[in-house]
């Protein structure tokens, strides 16, 4: 299909998608606490800040430690972070930075805490934790997919050999990383992938001892399972029947690639005929493989906030804290005691979003972690109140800048192009790269938030649906979304597919370029017509730049603008009745 081919070609022009860190588990001591805004908290903030800044250094094998305080009896804080041995410096720093904020939210007054992500771990304590083996507490995670009975003995044999080999190689690692991976043949068509890592400050014997404790715990959680993880403070192990680590990177952490030159769209012309089938093959392989195993999700209850905390943060949902009205209710700004700002979506009882839809959004959004997606922090359920707590994105939504004349000048072409890129990354992630295929259903300017660097973050997943993998489209009797952004097949017949989001994206691209709303657009010198018809007419007349927002007339890239207009029109081509040969 031309549309999907176009989609892949477009994506080749963008930088590689990097997902946000994937949360695994955390443990708070719940026994020793510090006083808010006291000396211990000051020292803890210093330690976390140091770990975050140090993680940009690629010379430490992904391992960093720090301490602060002079009074061993009360105020000293020891902290460390460890990034998975196959991730690059950018991913490492992003994970440590996320963990530093997240652990304070999950364990707000605990003197001892630890948090694990797929990409890193971070821990701190009021006792020394350097060069000391800690085998407890333990977190055990397993896939819900089972090994078939006929293969069980063979699987256990391969797994045992892989774990023993892994433990030996990691403990004796010459690189000092104490990290190793394995790929072992299970059947003629399946391989077993495994990983093990100790904190590099352990001795060889302590690392081996930690691994043995972790391996000994596997039968408790993971007997007969296709995947399993054991997380300890000093080491961790994992196995899957699907690749989950960078197979080509058994080397030390590498710094991020040097940014490409300023000609952002030039890569569209590079080896497209070769790149598309390769990209499709890789995407299909990883999507197919990852759908065979259960996605690991932490206990939903660990994401739950109590109502008193949220009311205190939002000043009891005062009108002064209200920052918007979403599709299912009002949105309020809040601030936690540690200074972290949040956005609270208070769902309206009249919205029709019941418990099932609410849980769908909580579970769905938590599974989706991406830098261009608004991050879910948690939820609150109390009586009739249903609340979703998100990260706070300071610059409001895209429509606030795009459609208000006084604000349009703040978005030059460079910023608008950056926003288009970010939206593409997120839709690609939802459609192809996330563990479950998602159709957003309501991609529009008011659902694109802008952070302080004008990076776009897509919000409001209340209408998102899990796309059934073995179907190309589905039907619904409940039409939800925003007219003007809906594809015709969805608005008129309730049929939705990935094309629904692609159509909405096409409309949004034309709005970003023109600074005009599709639903309110008309060309003053002619009869009223919508933005899409006007854009197509200008394209056919050879005057596409007539669509350009006048505020950008003096500073834009003609090639980039024209190419983006072309892409936007192709995404909405059905309603504009483009030549039938494009439909094949």
Protein backbone atom coordinates (compact mmCIF):
# COMPACT_ATOMS: atom_id res chain seq x y z
CA UNK A 1 0.00 0.00 0.00
CA UNK A 2 1.28 3.40 -0.96
CA UNK A 3 0.07 4.96 2.30
CA UNK A 4 2.05 2.62 4.51
CA UNK A 5 5.05 2.85 2.19
CA UNK A 6 4.83 6.62 2.40
CA UNK A 7 4.64 6.34 6.16
CA UNK A 8 7.85 4.28 6.28
CA UNK A 9 9.61 6.60 3.83
CA UNK A 10 8.65 9.59 5.96
CA UNK A 11 9.97 7.94 9.06
CA UNK A 12 13.34 7.28 7.44
CA UNK A 13 13.94 11.03 7.57
CA UNK A 14 13.63 11.16 11.32
CA UNK A 15 16.11 10.33 14.00
CA UNK A 16 15.92 6.96 15.69
CA UNK A 17 13.04 6.51 18.15
CA UNK A 18 14.19 6.23 21.74
CA UNK A 19 11.60 5.07 24.22
CA UNK A 20 11.44 6.37 27.74
CA UNK A 21 12.85 4.10 30.47
CA UNK A 22 10.61 1.13 31.26
CA UNK A 23 9.74 0.83 34.93
CA UNK A 24 10.05 -2.65 36.48
CA UNK A 25 9.67 -2.43 40.28
CA UNK A 26 10.61 -0.52 43.41
CA UNK A 27 10.92 -1.16 47.14
CA UNK A 28 10.68 1.40 49.95
CA UNK A 29 12.05 0.48 53.37
CA UNK A 30 8.87 1.65 55.14
CA UNK A 31 10.84 1.51 58.40
CA UNK A 32 13.18 4.49 58.60
CA UNK A 33 12.04 7.94 57.52
CA UNK A 34 13.58 11.39 57.23
CA UNK A 35 12.06 14.77 58.01
CA UNK A 36 10.83 16.70 54.98
CA UNK A 37 13.17 19.57 54.02
CA UNK A 38 15.69 18.43 56.65
CA UNK A 39 19.41 17.69 56.33
CA UNK A 40 18.89 14.14 55.08
CA UNK A 41 16.67 15.31 52.24
CA UNK A 42 19.21 17.97 51.30
CA UNK A 43 21.96 15.34 51.15
CA UNK A 44 19.71 12.95 49.24
CA UNK A 45 18.99 15.59 46.62
CA UNK A 46 22.74 16.19 46.26
CA UNK A 47 23.38 12.47 45.77
CA UNK A 48 20.63 12.07 43.18
CA UNK A 49 21.79 15.17 41.32
CA UNK A 50 25.35 13.85 41.29
CA UNK A 51 24.27 10.44 39.98
CA UNK A 52 22.25 12.07 37.21
CA UNK A 53 25.07 14.35 36.06
CA UNK A 54 27.72 11.62 36.35
CA UNK A 55 25.67 9.27 34.16
CA UNK A 56 26.59 11.41 31.14
CA UNK A 57 30.16 10.15 31.57
CA UNK A 58 30.72 7.06 29.43
CA UNK A 59 33.98 6.02 31.12
CA UNK A 60 32.52 4.29 34.18
CA UNK A 61 30.95 1.20 32.62
CA UNK A 62 27.53 2.60 33.41
CA UNK A 63 28.16 2.46 37.17
CA UNK A 64 28.09 5.56 39.35
CA UNK A 65 28.11 6.19 43.10
CA UNK A 66 27.96 9.23 45.33
CA UNK A 67 27.60 10.16 48.99
CA UNK A 68 26.83 13.29 50.98
CA UNK A 69 26.74 14.24 54.65
CA UNK A 70 29.12 14.49 57.62
CA UNK A 71 27.20 12.87 60.44
CA UNK A 72 27.30 9.06 60.05
CA UNK A 73 24.70 8.64 62.78
CA UNK A 74 21.95 10.42 60.91
CA UNK A 75 22.66 12.52 57.85
CA UNK A 76 24.95 10.53 55.51
CA UNK A 77 23.36 9.34 52.27
CA UNK A 78 25.01 6.76 50.00
CA UNK A 79 23.65 6.23 46.50
CA UNK A 80 24.52 4.32 43.36
CA UNK A 81 23.14 3.71 39.89
CA UNK A 82 23.88 0.98 37.37
CA UNK A 83 22.89 1.04 33.71
CA UNK A 84 22.43 -2.13 31.72
CA UNK A 85 25.66 -3.01 30.00
CA UNK A 86 24.37 -2.76 26.44
CA UNK A 87 22.70 0.68 26.52
CA UNK A 88 24.36 3.87 25.29
CA UNK A 89 25.12 6.95 27.34
CA UNK A 90 22.00 8.84 26.26
CA UNK A 91 19.68 6.03 27.37
CA UNK A 92 21.69 5.58 30.56
CA UNK A 93 21.47 9.24 31.54
CA UNK A 94 17.78 9.39 30.69
CA UNK A 95 17.08 6.33 32.85
CA UNK A 96 19.05 7.61 35.84
CA UNK A 97 17.41 11.04 35.58
CA UNK A 98 13.95 9.45 35.44
CA UNK A 99 14.75 7.13 38.35
CA UNK A 100 16.01 10.02 40.48
CA UNK A 101 12.64 11.76 40.20
CA UNK A 102 10.50 8.65 40.30
CA UNK A 103 12.03 7.18 43.45
CA UNK A 104 11.28 10.37 45.42
CA UNK A 105 7.67 10.17 44.35
CA UNK A 106 7.26 6.48 45.13
CA UNK A 107 9.23 6.58 48.41
CA UNK A 108 8.83 10.23 49.46
CA UNK A 109 10.29 10.08 53.02
CA UNK A 110 12.13 6.73 53.11
CA UNK A 111 15.80 6.72 54.05
CA UNK A 112 16.32 3.47 52.14
CA UNK A 113 14.87 2.79 48.69
CA UNK A 114 15.63 1.05 45.41
CA UNK A 115 14.04 1.25 41.97
CA UNK A 116 14.59 -0.94 38.92
CA UNK A 117 13.98 -0.16 35.26
CA UNK A 118 14.74 -2.37 32.29
CA UNK A 119 17.61 -0.01 31.48
CA UNK A 120 19.01 0.79 34.93
CA UNK A 121 18.68 0.57 38.70
CA UNK A 122 19.09 3.27 41.33
CA UNK A 123 19.29 2.90 45.10
CA UNK A 124 20.20 4.91 48.18
CA UNK A 125 20.56 4.26 51.89
CA UNK A 126 21.59 5.80 55.20
CA UNK A 127 24.17 2.99 55.43
CA UNK A 128 27.19 2.40 53.20
CA UNK A 129 26.23 0.32 50.16
CA UNK A 130 29.50 0.51 48.22
CA UNK A 131 31.46 -2.71 47.56
CA UNK A 132 28.93 -4.57 49.69
CA UNK A 133 26.85 -7.52 48.49
CA UNK A 134 23.10 -7.23 49.10
CA UNK A 135 20.99 -10.25 48.17
CA UNK A 136 17.73 -9.00 49.64
CA UNK A 137 15.15 -7.80 48.94
CA UNK A 138 14.32 -9.79 45.82
CA UNK A 139 11.84 -8.99 43.06
CA UNK A 140 10.63 -11.93 40.95
CA UNK A 141 8.92 -11.33 37.59
CA UNK A 142 7.76 -13.90 35.07
CA UNK A 143 5.99 -14.19 31.75
CA UNK A 144 2.51 -15.67 31.72
CA UNK A 145 3.38 -17.67 28.62
CA UNK A 146 4.27 -21.29 29.39
CA UNK A 147 6.70 -23.72 27.83
CA UNK A 148 4.78 -26.66 26.39
CA UNK A 149 5.10 -29.91 28.32
CA UNK A 150 7.02 -31.70 25.59
CA UNK A 151 9.68 -28.98 25.53
CA UNK A 152 9.96 -28.38 29.27
CA UNK A 153 12.88 -30.73 30.02
CA UNK A 154 14.89 -29.45 27.08
CA UNK A 155 14.15 -25.84 28.06
CA UNK A 156 15.24 -26.36 31.69
CA UNK A 157 18.48 -27.95 30.52
CA UNK A 158 19.30 -25.09 28.14
CA UNK A 159 18.34 -22.50 30.77
CA UNK A 160 20.49 -24.08 33.50
CA UNK A 161 23.56 -24.19 31.26
CA UNK A 162 22.96 -20.63 30.05
CA UNK A 163 22.64 -19.24 33.58
CA UNK A 164 25.77 -20.99 34.85
CA UNK A 165 27.77 -19.79 31.84
CA UNK A 166 26.36 -16.30 32.21
CA UNK A 167 27.23 -16.07 35.91
CA UNK A 168 30.79 -17.24 35.32
CA UNK A 169 31.48 -14.89 32.42
CA UNK A 170 29.92 -11.84 34.07
CA UNK A 171 31.75 -12.35 37.39
CA UNK A 172 35.06 -12.77 35.53
CA UNK A 173 34.46 -10.00 33.00
CA UNK A 174 37.75 -8.48 31.87
CA UNK A 175 36.06 -5.19 31.01
CA UNK A 176 35.16 -4.57 34.64
CA UNK A 177 31.48 -4.26 33.78
CA UNK A 178 30.47 -7.59 35.32
CA UNK A 179 27.92 -7.94 32.54
CA UNK A 180 27.27 -10.78 30.10
CA UNK A 181 24.64 -11.96 27.63
CA UNK A 182 23.91 -15.34 26.08
CA UNK A 183 22.10 -16.58 23.01
CA UNK A 184 21.57 -20.35 23.05
CA UNK A 185 19.71 -22.62 20.67
CA UNK A 186 16.51 -23.99 22.18
CA UNK A 187 14.84 -25.47 19.11
CA UNK A 188 15.61 -25.24 15.41
CA UNK A 189 13.47 -22.11 15.23
CA UNK A 190 13.84 -20.61 18.72
CA UNK A 191 16.74 -19.23 20.74
CA UNK A 192 16.99 -18.53 24.45
CA UNK A 193 18.29 -15.05 25.28
CA UNK A 194 19.66 -14.37 28.74
CA UNK A 195 21.45 -11.56 30.59
CA UNK A 196 23.24 -11.16 33.89
CA UNK A 197 24.86 -8.17 35.61
CA UNK A 198 26.45 -7.34 38.95
CA UNK A 199 27.38 -3.94 40.28
CA UNK A 200 31.04 -3.54 39.24
CA UNK A 201 32.16 -2.66 42.78
CA UNK A 202 31.69 -6.28 43.90
CA UNK A 203 34.55 -8.76 44.05
CA UNK A 204 34.48 -11.74 41.73
CA UNK A 205 33.43 -14.05 44.56
CA UNK A 206 30.68 -11.70 45.78
CA UNK A 207 29.34 -11.32 42.25
CA UNK A 208 29.25 -15.11 41.82
CA UNK A 209 27.49 -15.48 45.16
CA UNK A 210 24.86 -12.91 44.18
CA UNK A 211 24.24 -14.68 40.88
CA UNK A 212 23.79 -18.01 42.64
CA UNK A 213 21.16 -16.46 44.92
CA UNK A 214 19.34 -15.05 41.90
CA UNK A 215 19.51 -18.32 39.96
CA UNK A 216 18.27 -20.26 42.98
CA UNK A 217 15.16 -18.05 43.04
CA UNK A 218 14.17 -18.82 39.44
CA UNK A 219 12.20 -22.03 40.20
CA UNK A 220 10.08 -20.08 42.69
CA UNK A 221 8.72 -17.68 40.09
CA UNK A 222 9.50 -18.94 36.69
CA UNK A 223 9.37 -22.73 36.42
CA UNK A 224 7.97 -23.59 32.99
CA UNK A 225 7.72 -19.93 31.96
CA UNK A 226 9.00 -18.52 28.68
CA UNK A 227 10.55 -15.53 30.46
CA UNK A 228 11.72 -14.58 33.91
CA UNK A 229 13.62 -11.94 35.89
CA UNK A 230 15.17 -11.86 39.33
CA UNK A 231 16.12 -8.41 40.61
CA UNK A 232 18.47 -8.04 43.58
CA UNK A 233 20.14 -4.85 44.82
CA UNK A 234 23.59 -6.15 43.79
CA UNK A 235 22.79 -8.19 40.68
CA UNK A 236 20.05 -9.26 38.31
CA UNK A 237 19.34 -11.98 35.78
CA UNK A 238 16.81 -12.31 32.98
CA UNK A 239 15.88 -14.76 30.24
CA UNK A 240 13.39 -14.65 27.35
CA UNK A 241 12.60 -16.48 24.12
CA UNK A 242 12.74 -13.10 22.40
CA UNK A 243 15.65 -10.64 22.07
CA UNK A 244 15.44 -7.98 24.77
CA UNK A 245 19.02 -6.68 24.74
CA UNK A 246 21.21 -5.18 22.06
CA UNK A 247 22.67 -8.32 20.52
CA UNK A 248 25.30 -6.41 18.54
CA UNK A 249 26.50 -4.44 21.56
CA UNK A 250 28.52 -6.58 23.92
CA UNK A 251 30.86 -3.60 24.15
CA UNK A 252 31.15 -0.84 26.77
CA UNK A 253 28.57 1.92 26.88
CA UNK A 254 29.08 4.21 23.92
CA UNK A 255 28.39 7.92 23.67
CA UNK A 256 25.44 9.13 21.57
CA UNK A 257 25.94 9.60 17.84
CA UNK A 258 26.98 12.99 16.58
CA UNK A 259 23.87 14.84 15.33
CA UNK A 260 23.36 14.90 11.59
CA UNK A 261 23.74 18.04 9.55
CA UNK A 262 21.05 20.65 9.10
CA UNK A 263 19.59 19.08 5.95
CA UNK A 264 16.99 17.10 7.91
CA UNK A 265 14.99 15.73 5.00
CA UNK A 266 17.90 14.62 2.82
CA UNK A 267 17.79 11.07 4.13
CA UNK A 268 14.44 10.56 2.38
CA UNK A 269 16.33 9.88 -0.82
CA UNK A 270 18.87 7.42 0.59
CA UNK A 271 18.43 3.77 -0.34
CA UNK A 272 14.66 3.82 0.06
CA UNK A 273 14.17 0.70 -2.03
CA UNK A 274 16.51 -1.24 0.27
CA UNK A 275 15.61 0.40 3.56
CA UNK A 276 11.85 -0.16 3.40
CA UNK A 277 11.89 -3.99 3.16
CA UNK A 278 14.65 -4.18 5.75
CA UNK A 279 12.76 -1.88 8.12
CA UNK A 280 9.53 -3.81 7.62
CA UNK A 281 11.25 -7.14 8.23
CA UNK A 282 12.91 -5.95 11.42
CA UNK A 283 9.72 -4.35 12.76
CA UNK A 284 7.62 -7.42 11.98
CA UNK A 285 10.17 -9.75 13.58
CA UNK A 286 10.34 -7.85 16.84
CA UNK A 287 6.60 -7.16 16.99
CA UNK A 288 5.81 -10.81 16.28
CA UNK A 289 8.32 -12.05 18.80
CA UNK A 290 7.30 -9.71 21.57
CA UNK A 291 3.62 -10.51 21.12
CA UNK A 292 4.40 -14.12 22.00
CA UNK A 293 5.24 -13.24 25.59
CA UNK A 294 3.28 -11.48 28.27
CA UNK A 295 4.24 -7.86 28.86
CA UNK A 296 5.67 -7.43 32.33
CA UNK A 297 3.58 -4.92 34.24
CA UNK A 298 4.12 -3.91 37.83
CA UNK A 299 1.33 -4.13 40.35
CA UNK A 300 -1.18 -1.43 39.40
CA UNK A 301 -1.69 -0.67 43.07
CA UNK A 302 1.89 0.64 43.23
CA UNK A 303 0.71 3.49 40.99
CA UNK A 304 -2.17 4.51 43.26
CA UNK A 305 -2.19 7.84 45.13
CA UNK A 306 -4.47 8.67 48.03
CA UNK A 307 -6.99 11.46 47.65
CA UNK A 308 -5.50 13.56 50.48
CA UNK A 309 -2.18 13.77 48.60
CA UNK A 310 -3.83 14.90 45.37
CA UNK A 311 -6.13 17.39 47.08
CA UNK A 312 -3.16 18.95 48.85
CA UNK A 313 -1.23 19.15 45.57
CA UNK A 314 -4.10 20.82 43.67
CA UNK A 315 -5.35 23.04 46.53
CA UNK A 316 -8.51 20.93 46.63
CA UNK A 317 -9.03 21.26 42.87
CA UNK A 318 -9.36 25.02 43.05
CA UNK A 319 -10.35 26.99 39.96
CA UNK A 320 -6.97 28.75 40.12
CA UNK A 321 -5.30 25.39 39.51
CA UNK A 322 -7.54 24.41 36.61
CA UNK A 323 -5.57 24.43 33.37
CA UNK A 324 -7.91 22.81 30.88
CA UNK A 325 -10.92 20.70 30.03
CA UNK A 326 -10.24 17.33 28.41
CA UNK A 327 -12.58 15.01 26.59
CA UNK A 328 -13.63 13.29 29.81
CA UNK A 329 -13.17 15.98 32.44
CA UNK A 330 -11.14 18.85 33.85
CA UNK A 331 -7.35 19.02 34.18
CA UNK A 332 -5.65 20.63 37.20
CA UNK A 333 -2.08 21.62 37.90
CA UNK A 334 -0.62 20.34 41.17
CA UNK A 335 2.64 20.38 43.10
CA UNK A 336 3.96 17.64 45.37
CA UNK A 337 5.86 18.54 48.58
CA UNK A 338 9.18 17.76 46.84
CA UNK A 339 8.43 20.43 44.21
CA UNK A 340 7.47 18.05 41.40
CA UNK A 341 4.69 19.50 39.26
CA UNK A 342 1.87 17.27 38.04
CA UNK A 343 -1.25 17.43 35.90
CA UNK A 344 -4.34 15.76 37.35
CA UNK A 345 -7.12 14.68 35.02
CA UNK A 346 -10.34 14.53 37.06
CA UNK A 347 -12.80 12.43 35.12
CA UNK A 348 -16.36 13.65 35.01
CA UNK A 349 -19.04 11.27 36.32
CA UNK A 350 -21.15 12.41 33.37
CA UNK A 351 -18.44 11.56 30.88
CA UNK A 352 -19.57 7.97 30.53
CA UNK A 353 -16.09 6.66 31.18
CA UNK A 354 -16.71 3.82 33.58
CA UNK A 355 -14.36 1.66 35.59
CA UNK A 356 -13.47 -0.48 32.58
CA UNK A 357 -12.47 2.51 30.46
CA UNK A 358 -10.62 4.03 33.37
CA UNK A 359 -8.57 0.89 33.97
CA UNK A 360 -7.96 0.69 30.22
CA UNK A 361 -6.37 4.12 30.23
CA UNK A 362 -4.29 3.43 33.33
CA UNK A 363 -2.90 0.12 32.09
CA UNK A 364 -2.59 1.25 28.49
CA UNK A 365 -0.77 4.50 29.13
CA UNK A 366 1.56 2.94 31.69
CA UNK A 367 2.63 0.34 29.12
CA UNK A 368 3.39 3.10 26.64
CA UNK A 369 6.65 4.85 27.56
CA UNK A 370 8.08 7.28 25.02
CA UNK A 371 9.66 10.70 25.14
CA UNK A 372 6.91 12.12 22.89
CA UNK A 373 4.13 10.71 25.05
CA UNK A 374 2.85 12.38 28.21
CA UNK A 375 4.03 10.14 31.06
CA UNK A 376 1.51 8.64 33.43
CA UNK A 377 2.62 8.87 37.07
CA UNK A 378 -0.33 7.17 38.72
CA UNK A 379 -4.02 7.24 39.49
CA UNK A 380 -6.50 7.72 42.32
CA UNK A 381 -9.85 6.01 42.90
CA UNK A 382 -12.08 7.13 45.75
CA UNK A 383 -15.85 6.85 45.66
CA UNK A 384 -17.09 8.36 42.41
CA UNK A 385 -13.80 10.18 41.84
CA UNK A 386 -11.46 8.82 39.16
CA UNK A 387 -8.18 10.70 38.77
CA UNK A 388 -5.22 10.25 36.45
CA UNK A 389 -1.91 11.85 37.46
CA UNK A 390 0.45 12.81 34.63
CA UNK A 391 3.73 14.65 34.33
CA UNK A 392 3.16 18.38 33.99
CA UNK A 393 4.06 19.80 30.58
CA UNK A 394 4.59 23.56 31.04
CA UNK A 395 3.96 25.13 27.64
CA UNK A 396 0.28 24.24 27.25
CA UNK A 397 -1.02 22.61 24.08
CA UNK A 398 -0.12 23.19 20.45
CA UNK A 399 -3.45 24.85 19.60
CA UNK A 400 -2.72 27.57 22.20
CA UNK A 401 0.18 28.74 20.01
CA UNK A 402 -1.03 27.68 16.58
CA UNK A 403 -4.46 29.31 16.41
CA UNK A 404 -4.01 32.46 18.50
CA UNK A 405 -2.62 35.33 16.36
CA UNK A 406 -0.69 36.80 19.28
CA UNK A 407 1.12 33.50 19.84
CA UNK A 408 1.69 32.28 16.27
CA UNK A 409 4.95 34.17 15.90
CA UNK A 410 6.49 32.14 18.74
CA UNK A 411 6.43 29.03 16.53
CA UNK A 412 8.83 29.58 13.65
CA UNK A 413 9.26 26.95 10.95
CA UNK A 414 12.14 25.22 12.72
CA UNK A 415 9.99 24.66 15.82
CA UNK A 416 6.98 23.55 13.79
CA UNK A 417 9.08 21.09 11.84
CA UNK A 418 10.46 19.73 15.12
CA UNK A 419 6.89 19.29 16.37
CA UNK A 420 5.89 17.40 13.21
CA UNK A 421 8.89 15.10 13.66
CA UNK A 422 7.98 14.38 17.27
CA UNK A 423 4.36 13.58 16.41
CA UNK A 424 5.52 11.17 13.70
CA UNK A 425 7.83 9.43 16.18
CA UNK A 426 4.97 8.92 18.62
CA UNK A 427 2.50 7.62 16.04
CA UNK A 428 5.18 5.26 14.74
CA UNK A 429 5.73 4.08 18.29
CA UNK A 430 2.00 3.50 18.84
CA UNK A 431 1.49 1.71 15.53
CA UNK A 432 4.71 -0.26 15.13
CA UNK A 433 7.19 -0.10 18.01
CA UNK A 434 5.10 -0.46 21.17
CA UNK A 435 4.47 -3.91 22.59
CA UNK A 436 0.80 -3.62 21.72
CA UNK A 437 -0.45 -1.86 18.63
CA UNK A 438 -2.46 1.23 19.56
CA UNK A 439 -4.79 3.51 17.63
CA UNK A 440 -5.03 6.84 19.42
CA UNK A 441 -8.34 7.93 17.83
CA UNK A 442 -8.00 11.64 18.67
CA UNK A 443 -4.74 13.05 17.31
CA UNK A 444 -5.31 16.81 17.19
CA UNK A 445 -3.59 20.07 18.11
CA UNK A 446 -5.17 20.35 21.57
CA UNK A 447 -3.90 16.86 22.44
CA UNK A 448 -0.29 17.76 21.60
CA UNK A 449 1.40 19.35 24.62
CA UNK A 450 4.70 21.23 24.40
CA UNK A 451 7.45 20.99 27.01
CA UNK A 452 9.90 23.77 27.85
CA UNK A 453 12.03 22.83 24.81
CA UNK A 454 8.98 22.80 22.53
CA UNK A 455 9.14 19.01 22.25
CA UNK A 456 5.67 17.62 21.50
CA UNK A 457 4.03 15.11 23.83
CA UNK A 458 0.78 13.43 22.79
CA UNK A 459 -1.83 13.29 25.53
CA UNK A 460 -5.39 12.10 26.25
CA UNK A 461 -5.49 8.39 25.67
CA UNK A 462 -9.04 8.06 27.00
CA UNK A 463 -10.26 7.04 23.57
CA UNK A 464 -7.35 4.82 22.59
CA UNK A 465 -8.12 1.25 21.61
CA UNK A 466 -5.90 -1.78 21.54
CA UNK A 467 -5.56 -2.72 17.90
CA UNK A 468 -6.28 -6.42 17.36
CA UNK A 469 -3.17 -7.76 15.71
CA UNK A 470 -4.85 -10.17 13.29
CA UNK A 471 -7.18 -7.53 11.81
CA UNK A 472 -6.54 -4.66 9.44
CA UNK A 473 -9.56 -2.76 10.73
CA UNK A 474 -12.30 -2.99 13.34
CA UNK A 475 -15.80 -1.63 13.83
CA UNK A 476 -17.42 0.34 16.61
CA UNK A 477 -20.92 1.61 17.32
CA UNK A 478 -19.58 4.36 19.56
CA UNK A 479 -17.99 7.14 17.54
CA UNK A 480 -15.51 9.06 19.65
CA UNK A 481 -13.03 11.68 18.59
CA UNK A 482 -13.11 15.16 17.06
CA UNK A 483 -14.88 15.97 13.81
CA UNK A 484 -12.50 17.55 11.35
CA UNK A 485 -9.79 15.09 12.34
CA UNK A 486 -11.76 11.85 11.79
CA UNK A 487 -11.23 9.76 8.69
CA UNK A 488 -14.44 9.39 6.63
CA UNK A 489 -14.62 5.62 7.10
CA UNK A 490 -14.56 6.11 10.86
CA UNK A 491 -16.88 9.12 11.12
CA UNK A 492 -19.54 7.67 8.80
CA UNK A 493 -19.27 3.92 9.29
CA UNK A 494 -17.40 3.40 12.57
CA UNK A 495 -14.57 1.51 10.83
CA UNK A 496 -11.19 2.29 12.34
CA UNK A 497 -7.66 1.19 11.58
CA UNK A 498 -4.17 2.66 11.64
CA UNK A 499 -5.31 4.85 8.75
CA UNK A 500 -7.57 6.68 11.21
CA UNK A 501 -4.53 8.15 12.98
CA UNK A 502 -2.69 8.66 9.69
CA UNK A 503 -5.61 10.75 8.40
CA UNK A 504 -5.69 12.81 11.61
CA UNK A 505 -1.94 13.35 11.33
CA UNK A 506 -2.36 14.63 7.77
CA UNK A 507 -4.95 17.18 8.92
CA UNK A 508 -2.70 18.24 11.80
CA UNK A 509 0.32 18.73 9.51
CA UNK A 510 -1.69 21.09 7.30
CA UNK A 511 -2.89 22.99 10.37
CA UNK A 512 0.68 23.34 11.66
CA UNK A 513 1.84 24.70 8.31
CA UNK A 514 -1.10 27.08 7.78
CA UNK A 515 -1.83 28.11 11.37
CA UNK A 516 -5.52 27.58 10.58
CA UNK A 517 -8.09 25.15 12.01
CA UNK A 518 -9.58 22.72 9.53
CA UNK A 519 -13.05 23.13 11.02
CA UNK A 520 -13.06 26.96 10.87
CA UNK A 521 -11.10 27.60 7.70
CA UNK A 522 -12.40 29.49 4.71
CA UNK A 523 -10.59 31.41 1.99
CA UNK A 524 -11.82 34.98 2.10
CA UNK A 525 -11.90 35.72 -1.59
CA UNK A 526 -13.85 32.62 -2.54
CA UNK A 527 -16.73 30.48 -1.38
CA UNK A 528 -16.22 28.81 2.00
CA UNK A 529 -14.22 25.59 1.85
CA UNK A 530 -12.38 23.53 4.39
CA UNK A 531 -8.62 23.56 4.85
CA UNK A 532 -8.14 20.18 3.19
CA UNK A 533 -9.90 21.15 -0.04
CA UNK A 534 -8.06 24.46 -0.15
CA UNK A 535 -4.69 22.79 0.39
CA UNK A 536 -5.33 20.26 -2.36
CA UNK A 537 -6.46 22.97 -4.77
CA UNK A 538 -3.29 24.98 -4.16
CA UNK A 539 -1.21 21.85 -4.66
CA UNK A 540 -2.86 21.08 -8.00
CA UNK A 541 -2.44 24.72 -9.05
CA UNK A 542 1.30 24.51 -8.33
CA UNK A 543 1.07 27.10 -5.54
CA UNK A 544 1.40 25.03 -2.33
CA UNK A 545 3.16 27.83 -0.45
CA UNK A 546 -0.10 29.83 -0.49
CA UNK A 547 -0.98 27.58 2.44
CA UNK A 548 1.95 28.85 4.55
CA UNK A 549 1.23 30.79 7.75
CA UNK A 550 2.08 34.46 6.96
CA UNK A 551 3.98 34.72 10.24
CA UNK A 552 6.64 32.40 8.75
CA UNK A 553 6.97 34.03 5.34
CA UNK A 554 10.41 35.46 6.10
CA UNK A 555 11.98 32.35 7.60
CA UNK A 556 11.30 28.85 6.35
CA UNK A 557 12.75 26.03 4.26
CA UNK A 558 10.83 25.82 1.01
CA UNK A 559 11.76 22.18 0.39
CA UNK A 560 10.77 21.11 3.90
CA UNK A 561 7.45 22.96 3.79
CA UNK A 562 6.49 21.61 0.36
CA UNK A 563 7.47 18.07 1.32
CA UNK A 564 5.43 18.27 4.52
CA UNK A 565 2.40 19.61 2.62
CA UNK A 566 2.76 16.72 0.18
CA UNK A 567 2.93 14.20 3.03
CA UNK A 568 -0.09 15.76 4.73
CA UNK A 569 -2.12 15.55 1.52
CA UNK A 570 -1.11 11.95 0.93
CA UNK A 571 -2.23 11.04 4.45
CA UNK A 572 -5.73 12.39 3.74
CA UNK A 573 -5.84 11.38 0.09
CA UNK A 574 -9.12 9.38 0.25
CA UNK A 575 -11.31 12.36 1.11
CA UNK A 576 -9.57 14.43 -1.56
CA UNK A 577 -10.06 11.69 -4.18
CA UNK A 578 -6.50 11.50 -5.38
CA UNK A 579 -5.93 9.38 -8.50
CA UNK A 580 -7.14 5.80 -8.19
CA UNK A 581 -3.69 4.42 -8.97
CA UNK A 582 -2.51 5.76 -5.59
CA UNK A 583 -5.10 3.53 -3.90
CA UNK A 584 -3.47 0.32 -5.19
